[in-house]
Amino acid sequence: MRCLLAVSVSIVLLVSSCTTTREAIAERGPGQDPVGPVFTEQHADRFAQLALACVHQEYPNKISHVLQSDRDVLPPRTLTPAFYGCFDWHSAVHGHWLLARLLRRFPAAPFASSIRVALTKSLSRENLTAEVAHFNGLGRASWERPYGLAWLLQLDAELRLWSDPDAQQWSTSLSPLTIAARNRLVAWLPKLSHPIRTGEHSQTAFAMGLMLDWARLVGDVAFEELLVERSKSFYLADRNWNLAFEPSGQDFLSPGLAEADLMRRVLVPAEFGDWLGGFLPGMTDRFAMAPAVVTDKSDGKLAHLDGLNLARAWMLEGIAHGLGEHDARTSAVLAAAVAHRRAGLAAVTGEHYEGGHWLGSFAVYLVTQRGY
């Protein structure tokens, strides 16, 4: 598990047809150019091995749930038998998402058979019935909300939209848990009086972006409408966010960029460009942002900053996507995305389990352009 995986992943430019954007990035120096235009099977294998090594690794494990009695003191594999590996529940969920996404993309790859075995083991009807029972346990209304539940919806979408027979079986088994998570979010969001602007799991903007993508992919119009309404209520009036106050020392999500990445999903391009000018006035055609630096990769909280670089990269690409290739800000935003992409992908090595159990999912989300 702790073997060093030297990941040098090809970079895919968001706006591949935009010659002026490529030239603007190239002018910043030879070290800033994208590595290449193709995400290959060989690159995918490196990430697949990280997830395969942890989705059924039970310990070390961080359990986060309310104990009602001694009967709740059980090992992870008993409490949540589908998602008990990868240190914590949400990392196990997006580790399974990583495997499903790579299997869907590379169904004939050498790692494909191992992924099928792993997903079949985890996503059985029996295991997921137990997951639902745990999810509905007394005192767990806020459990894994919103981050873990948003990733569960992403796993559901990856399986549901794929015609592979195994994927359809896994999707059917997952469906009761997906419905329970969706309904819990629908009940919670109207009661949430203010957005949550942290750089960690409780942040609303990032999770709502994943939820909105799921709702649109599966055709859940009612949930989509709720998310659009809540996004506008929480964020539309925001002005003058200062990225100079980011990051906090253990962020893995950017509060400001995640908000902008959500709003480009909600607003039409012209509206988004105007809104962004008010929300991030410092994001001009001279915009620049340096990647965060991790001083100790064996410290799980400090290692969050490696994930922040990956998340910033896809959020910046999403913002550029929302602005369009003709906006004067796009080239600078994409150049910042390239710098963060390179720094983030270089950190996905598996040398330390503190990062190895989750950074692969963030890397795959980035390089497969899942967010747009």
Protein backbone atom coordinates (compact mmCIF):
# COMPACT_ATOMS: atom_id res chain seq x y z
CA MET A 1 0.00 0.00 0.00
CA ARG A 2 2.81 2.37 0.85
CA CYS A 3 4.74 1.79 -2.35
CA LEU A 4 5.79 4.96 -4.09
CA LEU A 5 3.77 5.50 -7.25
CA ALA A 6 5.47 8.16 -9.29
CA VAL A 7 2.51 9.72 -11.00
CA SER A 8 3.21 11.81 -14.04
CA VAL A 9 -0.21 12.29 -15.55
CA SER A 10 -1.06 13.80 -18.90
CA ILE A 11 -2.86 17.10 -18.64
CA VAL A 12 -5.98 17.81 -20.65
CA LEU A 13 -6.64 21.48 -21.36
CA LEU A 14 -10.21 22.46 -20.69
CA VAL A 15 -10.55 24.52 -23.84
CA SER A 16 -8.63 22.33 -26.27
CA SER A 17 -9.79 24.28 -29.32
CA CYS A 18 -8.73 27.67 -27.99
CA THR A 19 -5.41 28.48 -29.67
CA THR A 20 -5.11 31.88 -27.98
CA THR A 21 -5.48 30.26 -24.57
CA ARG A 22 -2.76 27.71 -25.33
CA GLU A 23 -0.44 30.48 -26.51
CA ALA A 24 -1.11 32.59 -23.44
CA ILE A 25 -0.19 29.68 -21.18
CA ALA A 26 2.89 28.81 -23.23
CA GLU A 27 4.16 32.39 -22.93
CA ARG A 28 4.53 31.89 -19.19
CA GLY A 29 7.48 29.57 -19.72
CA PRO A 30 8.35 26.02 -20.74
CA GLY A 31 7.62 24.64 -17.28
CA GLN A 32 3.98 25.70 -17.49
CA ASP A 33 2.96 23.78 -20.60
CA PRO A 34 0.54 20.88 -20.31
CA VAL A 35 2.31 17.51 -20.25
CA GLY A 36 0.13 16.04 -22.96
CA PRO A 37 -3.37 15.81 -24.39
CA VAL A 38 -4.37 12.24 -23.46
CA PHE A 39 -5.26 10.49 -20.19
CA THR A 40 -4.10 6.96 -20.91
CA GLU A 41 -4.73 3.48 -19.56
CA GLN A 42 -1.26 3.52 -18.02
CA HIS A 43 -2.04 6.72 -16.12
CA ALA A 44 -5.37 5.27 -15.00
CA ASP A 45 -3.66 2.15 -13.66
CA ARG A 46 -1.70 4.19 -11.13
CA PHE A 47 -4.84 5.67 -9.67
CA ALA A 48 -6.74 2.38 -9.83
CA GLN A 49 -4.05 0.68 -7.75
CA LEU A 50 -4.36 3.30 -5.02
CA ALA A 51 -8.08 2.67 -4.66
CA LEU A 52 -7.83 -1.10 -5.01
CA ALA A 53 -5.30 -1.13 -2.19
CA CYS A 54 -7.56 0.75 0.23
CA VAL A 55 -11.27 0.07 -0.44
CA HIS A 56 -11.04 -3.15 1.61
CA GLN A 57 -8.30 -2.02 4.00
CA GLU A 58 -10.18 -1.73 7.27
CA TYR A 59 -7.50 -0.20 9.49
CA PRO A 60 -6.47 2.45 10.33
CA ASN A 61 -10.05 3.74 10.46
CA LYS A 62 -11.79 6.88 11.62
CA ILE A 63 -15.38 6.13 12.62
CA SER A 64 -17.69 9.09 13.03
CA HIS A 65 -21.11 8.22 14.37
CA VAL A 66 -23.26 8.65 17.46
CA LEU A 67 -23.24 5.71 19.86
CA GLN A 68 -26.62 4.94 21.40
CA SER A 69 -25.50 1.87 23.35
CA ASP A 70 -22.82 -0.81 23.56
CA ARG A 71 -24.45 -2.46 20.57
CA ASP A 72 -23.09 0.33 18.38
CA VAL A 73 -19.48 -0.48 19.31
CA LEU A 74 -18.67 -2.61 16.30
CA PRO A 75 -15.84 -2.87 13.75
CA PRO A 76 -16.14 -0.83 10.56
CA ARG A 77 -16.75 -3.89 8.38
CA THR A 78 -19.87 -4.63 10.43
CA LEU A 79 -21.18 -1.09 10.76
CA THR A 80 -20.82 -0.18 7.07
CA PRO A 81 -19.90 -3.36 5.17
CA ALA A 82 -19.88 -1.74 1.72
CA PHE A 83 -17.81 1.32 2.60
CA TYR A 84 -15.49 0.45 5.47
CA GLY A 85 -12.03 0.91 3.91
CA CYS A 86 -9.91 3.91 2.94
CA PHE A 87 -9.73 5.26 6.52
CA ASP A 88 -13.24 6.78 6.59
CA TRP A 89 -16.66 6.31 5.03
CA HIS A 90 -16.60 9.17 2.53
CA SER A 91 -13.14 8.23 1.26
CA ALA A 92 -14.36 4.67 0.76
CA VAL A 93 -17.33 5.98 -1.20
CA HIS A 94 -15.28 8.11 -3.56
CA GLY A 95 -12.67 5.35 -3.78
CA HIS A 96 -15.45 3.16 -5.21
CA TRP A 97 -16.46 6.04 -7.48
CA LEU A 98 -12.85 6.18 -8.76
CA LEU A 99 -12.93 2.45 -9.55
CA ALA A 100 -16.28 2.67 -11.31
CA ARG A 101 -15.21 5.67 -13.36
CA LEU A 102 -11.95 4.08 -14.49
CA LEU A 103 -13.61 0.75 -15.26
CA ARG A 104 -16.24 2.53 -17.34
CA ARG A 105 -13.54 4.44 -19.19
CA PHE A 106 -11.12 1.53 -19.66
CA PRO A 107 -13.23 -1.68 -19.60
CA ALA A 108 -10.52 -3.80 -21.23
CA ALA A 109 -7.57 -2.54 -19.15
CA PRO A 110 -5.43 -5.01 -17.18
CA PHE A 111 -6.82 -3.57 -13.94
CA ALA A 112 -10.45 -3.98 -15.05
CA SER A 113 -10.95 -7.50 -13.70
CA SER A 114 -9.61 -6.52 -10.27
CA ILE A 115 -11.98 -3.57 -10.17
CA ARG A 116 -14.95 -5.78 -11.05
CA VAL A 117 -14.07 -8.15 -8.23
CA ALA A 118 -13.72 -5.30 -5.76
CA LEU A 119 -16.98 -3.61 -6.73
CA THR A 120 -18.88 -6.89 -6.71
CA LYS A 121 -17.56 -7.63 -3.22
CA SER A 122 -18.56 -4.22 -1.87
CA LEU A 123 -21.80 -3.43 -3.66
CA SER A 124 -23.81 -6.51 -2.81
CA ARG A 125 -27.46 -6.27 -1.84
CA GLU A 126 -26.66 -7.64 1.62
CA ASN A 127 -23.92 -5.09 2.28
CA LEU A 128 -26.00 -2.17 1.10
CA THR A 129 -29.03 -3.23 3.11
CA ALA A 130 -26.79 -3.01 6.18
CA GLU A 131 -25.55 0.41 5.01
CA VAL A 132 -29.14 1.69 4.85
CA ALA A 133 -29.84 0.37 8.36
CA HIS A 134 -26.76 2.19 9.68
CA PHE A 135 -27.63 5.35 7.77
CA ASN A 136 -31.11 5.44 9.31
CA GLY A 137 -29.84 4.82 12.85
CA LEU A 138 -30.92 7.08 15.69
CA GLY A 139 -28.85 10.23 16.02
CA ARG A 140 -27.35 10.10 12.53
CA ALA A 141 -29.39 12.77 10.74
CA SER A 142 -26.26 14.83 10.04
CA TRP A 143 -23.95 11.87 9.38
CA GLU A 144 -21.65 12.42 6.37
CA ARG A 145 -23.68 15.46 5.37
CA PRO A 146 -23.07 16.98 2.90
CA TYR A 147 -19.69 15.77 1.59
CA GLY A 148 -20.06 12.01 1.89
CA LEU A 149 -23.65 12.04 0.64
CA ALA A 150 -22.69 14.14 -2.38
CA TRP A 151 -20.00 11.62 -3.33
CA LEU A 152 -22.50 8.79 -2.92
CA LEU A 153 -24.70 10.49 -5.51
CA GLN A 154 -21.70 10.68 -7.84
CA LEU A 155 -21.12 6.95 -7.44
CA ASP A 156 -24.78 6.33 -8.21
CA ALA A 157 -24.59 8.44 -11.37
CA GLU A 158 -21.47 6.64 -12.57
CA LEU A 159 -23.21 3.29 -12.25
CA ARG A 160 -26.72 4.28 -13.30
CA LEU A 161 -25.70 5.86 -16.59
CA TRP A 162 -23.61 2.87 -17.68
CA SER A 163 -25.19 -0.01 -19.62
CA ASP A 164 -22.71 -2.62 -18.36
CA PRO A 165 -24.67 -5.53 -16.76
CA ASP A 166 -22.51 -5.58 -13.62
CA ALA A 167 -22.88 -1.82 -13.22
CA GLN A 168 -26.64 -2.12 -13.50
CA GLN A 169 -26.67 -4.76 -10.76
CA TRP A 170 -24.47 -2.63 -8.52
CA SER A 171 -26.72 0.35 -9.22
CA THR A 172 -29.82 -1.59 -8.26
CA SER A 173 -28.23 -2.65 -4.98
CA LEU A 174 -27.08 0.91 -4.26
CA SER A 175 -30.45 2.49 -5.07
CA PRO A 176 -32.06 2.31 -1.58
CA LEU A 177 -29.06 4.07 -0.02
CA THR A 178 -29.02 6.65 -2.82
CA ILE A 179 -32.70 7.41 -2.30
CA ALA A 180 -32.21 7.73 1.45
CA ALA A 181 -29.30 10.14 0.95
CA ARG A 182 -31.16 12.20 -1.63
CA ASN A 183 -34.23 12.50 0.58
CA ARG A 184 -32.15 13.50 3.59
CA LEU A 185 -30.52 16.29 1.58
CA VAL A 186 -33.90 17.46 0.28
CA ALA A 187 -35.16 17.68 3.86
CA TRP A 188 -32.04 19.49 5.09
CA LEU A 189 -31.34 22.16 2.47
CA PRO A 190 -34.55 24.22 2.97
CA LYS A 191 -33.80 24.37 6.70
CA LEU A 192 -30.21 25.54 6.23
CA SER A 193 -30.32 29.26 6.91
CA HIS A 194 -26.75 30.08 5.87
CA PRO A 195 -24.16 28.44 3.61
CA ILE A 196 -21.22 26.65 5.20
CA ARG A 197 -18.01 28.29 3.99
CA THR A 198 -15.28 26.05 5.39
CA GLY A 199 -12.45 24.46 3.43
CA GLU A 200 -13.25 20.96 4.63
CA HIS A 201 -16.06 18.38 4.55
CA SER A 202 -18.92 20.53 5.78
CA GLN A 203 -18.63 23.08 2.95
CA THR A 204 -21.89 23.46 1.06
CA ALA A 205 -20.72 24.91 -2.27
CA PHE A 206 -18.61 21.96 -3.39
CA ALA A 207 -21.14 19.38 -2.25
CA MET A 208 -24.01 21.24 -3.92
CA GLY A 209 -22.07 21.23 -7.19
CA LEU A 210 -21.81 17.44 -7.04
CA MET A 211 -25.48 17.18 -6.11
CA LEU A 212 -26.56 19.44 -8.95
CA ASP A 213 -24.55 17.45 -11.47
CA TRP A 214 -26.21 14.26 -10.20
CA ALA A 215 -29.71 15.72 -10.35
CA ARG A 216 -29.21 16.80 -13.96
CA LEU A 217 -27.58 13.54 -15.01
CA VAL A 218 -30.38 11.37 -13.63
CA GLY A 219 -33.22 13.77 -14.45
CA ASP A 220 -34.29 14.62 -10.89
CA VAL A 221 -35.97 17.93 -11.75
CA ALA A 222 -37.36 18.61 -8.28
CA PHE A 223 -33.94 18.22 -6.66
CA GLU A 224 -32.33 20.32 -9.38
CA GLU A 225 -34.79 23.14 -8.84
CA LEU A 226 -34.21 23.05 -5.08
CA LEU A 227 -30.44 23.19 -5.55
CA VAL A 228 -30.63 26.09 -8.00
CA GLU A 229 -32.91 28.01 -5.64
CA ARG A 230 -30.68 27.32 -2.62
CA SER A 231 -27.53 28.25 -4.56
CA LYS A 232 -28.97 31.61 -5.53
CA SER A 233 -30.28 32.22 -2.02
CA PHE A 234 -26.92 31.42 -0.46
CA TYR A 235 -24.53 32.98 -2.94
CA LEU A 236 -26.04 35.27 -5.58
CA ALA A 237 -25.63 38.44 -3.51
CA ASP A 238 -22.02 37.67 -2.47
CA ARG A 239 -19.46 40.33 -3.31
CA ASN A 240 -15.74 41.01 -2.82
CA TRP A 241 -14.41 37.60 -1.75
CA ASN A 242 -10.68 37.93 -1.15
CA LEU A 243 -8.69 34.84 -2.13
CA ALA A 244 -5.70 36.29 -0.26
CA PHE A 245 -7.24 34.91 2.94
CA GLU A 246 -7.14 31.36 1.56
CA PRO A 247 -6.12 28.73 2.31
CA SER A 248 -6.50 27.84 5.94
CA GLY A 249 -3.81 25.43 7.07
CA GLN A 250 -5.78 22.23 6.55
CA ASP A 251 -8.14 23.08 3.69
CA PHE A 252 -8.71 20.63 0.88
CA LEU A 253 -11.43 22.75 -0.75
CA SER A 254 -11.35 26.43 -1.62
CA PRO A 255 -14.40 28.25 -0.24
CA GLY A 256 -14.18 31.01 -2.84
CA LEU A 257 -13.38 28.96 -5.93
CA ALA A 258 -15.90 26.26 -5.00
CA GLU A 259 -18.61 28.88 -4.76
CA ALA A 260 -17.71 30.24 -8.19
CA ASP A 261 -17.57 26.70 -9.61
CA LEU A 262 -21.07 26.10 -8.29
CA MET A 263 -22.48 29.35 -9.63
CA ARG A 264 -21.18 28.72 -13.16
CA ARG A 265 -23.45 25.66 -13.07
CA VAL A 266 -26.40 27.81 -12.00
CA LEU A 267 -26.06 30.97 -14.12
CA VAL A 268 -25.93 31.38 -17.88
CA PRO A 269 -22.49 32.53 -19.14
CA ALA A 270 -23.26 36.26 -19.37
CA GLU A 271 -24.79 36.28 -15.91
CA PHE A 272 -21.93 34.25 -14.52
CA GLY A 273 -19.29 36.59 -15.93
CA ASP A 274 -20.99 39.60 -14.35
CA TRP A 275 -21.50 37.83 -11.03
CA LEU A 276 -17.88 36.66 -10.94
CA GLY A 277 -16.67 40.21 -11.45
CA GLY A 278 -18.49 41.25 -8.29
CA PHE A 279 -17.64 38.17 -6.25
CA LEU A 280 -13.96 37.81 -7.23
CA PRO A 281 -12.89 41.29 -8.38
CA GLY A 282 -9.26 40.17 -8.13
CA MET A 283 -9.81 37.57 -10.85
CA THR A 284 -8.74 39.73 -13.80
CA ASP A 285 -6.67 39.10 -16.91
CA ARG A 286 -3.63 39.38 -14.61
CA PHE A 287 -4.92 36.85 -12.08
CA ALA A 288 -2.35 34.54 -10.47
CA MET A 289 -2.49 32.06 -7.61
CA ALA A 290 0.38 29.99 -6.23
CA PRO A 291 -0.19 26.32 -5.33
CA ALA A 292 -0.25 25.44 -1.64
CA VAL A 293 2.77 23.67 -0.12
CA VAL A 294 2.57 20.67 2.21
CA THR A 295 5.31 20.64 4.83
CA ASP A 296 4.63 17.12 6.20
CA LYS A 297 2.84 14.61 3.99
CA SER A 298 2.63 12.08 6.82
CA ASP A 299 0.30 14.43 8.73
CA GLY A 300 -3.22 13.74 7.49
CA LYS A 301 -4.50 17.26 8.12
CA LEU A 302 -1.49 19.04 6.64
CA ALA A 303 -1.68 16.73 3.61
CA HIS A 304 -5.11 18.19 2.88
CA LEU A 305 -3.32 20.94 0.99
CA ASP A 306 -2.26 18.48 -1.71
CA GLY A 307 -5.93 17.82 -2.32
CA LEU A 308 -6.56 21.55 -2.30
CA ASN A 309 -4.24 21.96 -5.28
CA LEU A 310 -6.18 19.31 -7.20
CA ALA A 311 -9.53 20.84 -6.23
CA ARG A 312 -8.37 24.34 -7.12
CA ALA A 313 -7.26 23.05 -10.51
CA TRP A 314 -10.66 21.62 -11.45
CA MET A 315 -12.50 24.60 -9.96
CA LEU A 316 -10.37 27.03 -11.96
CA GLU A 317 -10.99 24.97 -15.10
CA GLY A 318 -14.70 25.02 -14.31
CA ILE A 319 -14.65 28.78 -13.88
CA ALA A 320 -12.85 29.14 -17.22
CA HIS A 321 -15.45 26.86 -18.77
CA GLY A 322 -18.18 29.11 -17.40
CA LEU A 323 -16.49 32.27 -18.68
CA GLY A 324 -15.83 30.92 -22.17
CA GLU A 325 -12.77 31.26 -24.36
CA HIS A 326 -13.40 34.87 -25.36
CA ASP A 327 -13.48 36.31 -21.85
CA ALA A 328 -10.34 38.31 -21.04
CA ARG A 329 -9.95 36.44 -17.73
CA THR A 330 -9.94 32.93 -19.16
CA SER A 331 -6.27 32.63 -20.12
CA ALA A 332 -5.04 33.72 -16.69
CA VAL A 333 -7.50 31.42 -14.92
CA LEU A 334 -6.39 28.46 -17.04
CA ALA A 335 -2.74 29.23 -16.42
CA ALA A 336 -3.38 29.11 -12.68
CA ALA A 337 -5.23 25.83 -13.19
CA VAL A 338 -2.21 24.33 -14.97
CA ALA A 339 0.12 25.26 -12.10
CA HIS A 340 -2.20 23.70 -9.54
CA ARG A 341 -2.78 20.62 -11.69
CA ARG A 342 0.93 19.93 -11.94
CA ALA A 343 1.53 20.46 -8.22
CA GLY A 344 -1.48 18.40 -7.23
CA LEU A 345 -0.82 15.43 -9.50
CA ALA A 346 2.82 15.28 -8.45
CA ALA A 347 1.63 14.66 -4.88
CA VAL A 348 -0.50 11.60 -5.69
CA THR A 349 2.14 9.02 -4.93
CA GLY A 350 0.72 6.67 -2.28
CA GLU A 351 3.90 7.06 -0.23
CA HIS A 352 1.85 7.96 2.84
CA TYR A 353 -1.57 6.46 3.57
CA GLU A 354 -2.64 9.85 4.94
CA GLY A 355 -2.89 11.05 1.33
CA GLY A 356 -2.94 7.77 -0.55
CA HIS A 357 -6.38 6.78 0.72
CA TRP A 358 -8.14 9.72 -0.98
CA LEU A 359 -6.00 11.84 -3.29
CA GLY A 360 -6.44 9.42 -6.20
CA SER A 361 -10.16 10.22 -6.29
CA PHE A 362 -9.46 13.94 -6.53
CA ALA A 363 -6.90 13.30 -9.26
CA VAL A 364 -9.36 11.22 -11.31
CA TYR A 365 -12.09 13.82 -10.87
CA LEU A 366 -9.65 16.36 -12.29
CA VAL A 367 -8.08 14.47 -15.18
CA THR A 368 -11.36 12.95 -16.42
CA GLN A 369 -13.02 16.38 -16.30
CA ARG A 370 -15.92 15.05 -14.27
CA GLY A 371 -17.18 18.47 -13.24
CA TYR A 372 -18.17 19.74 -16.68
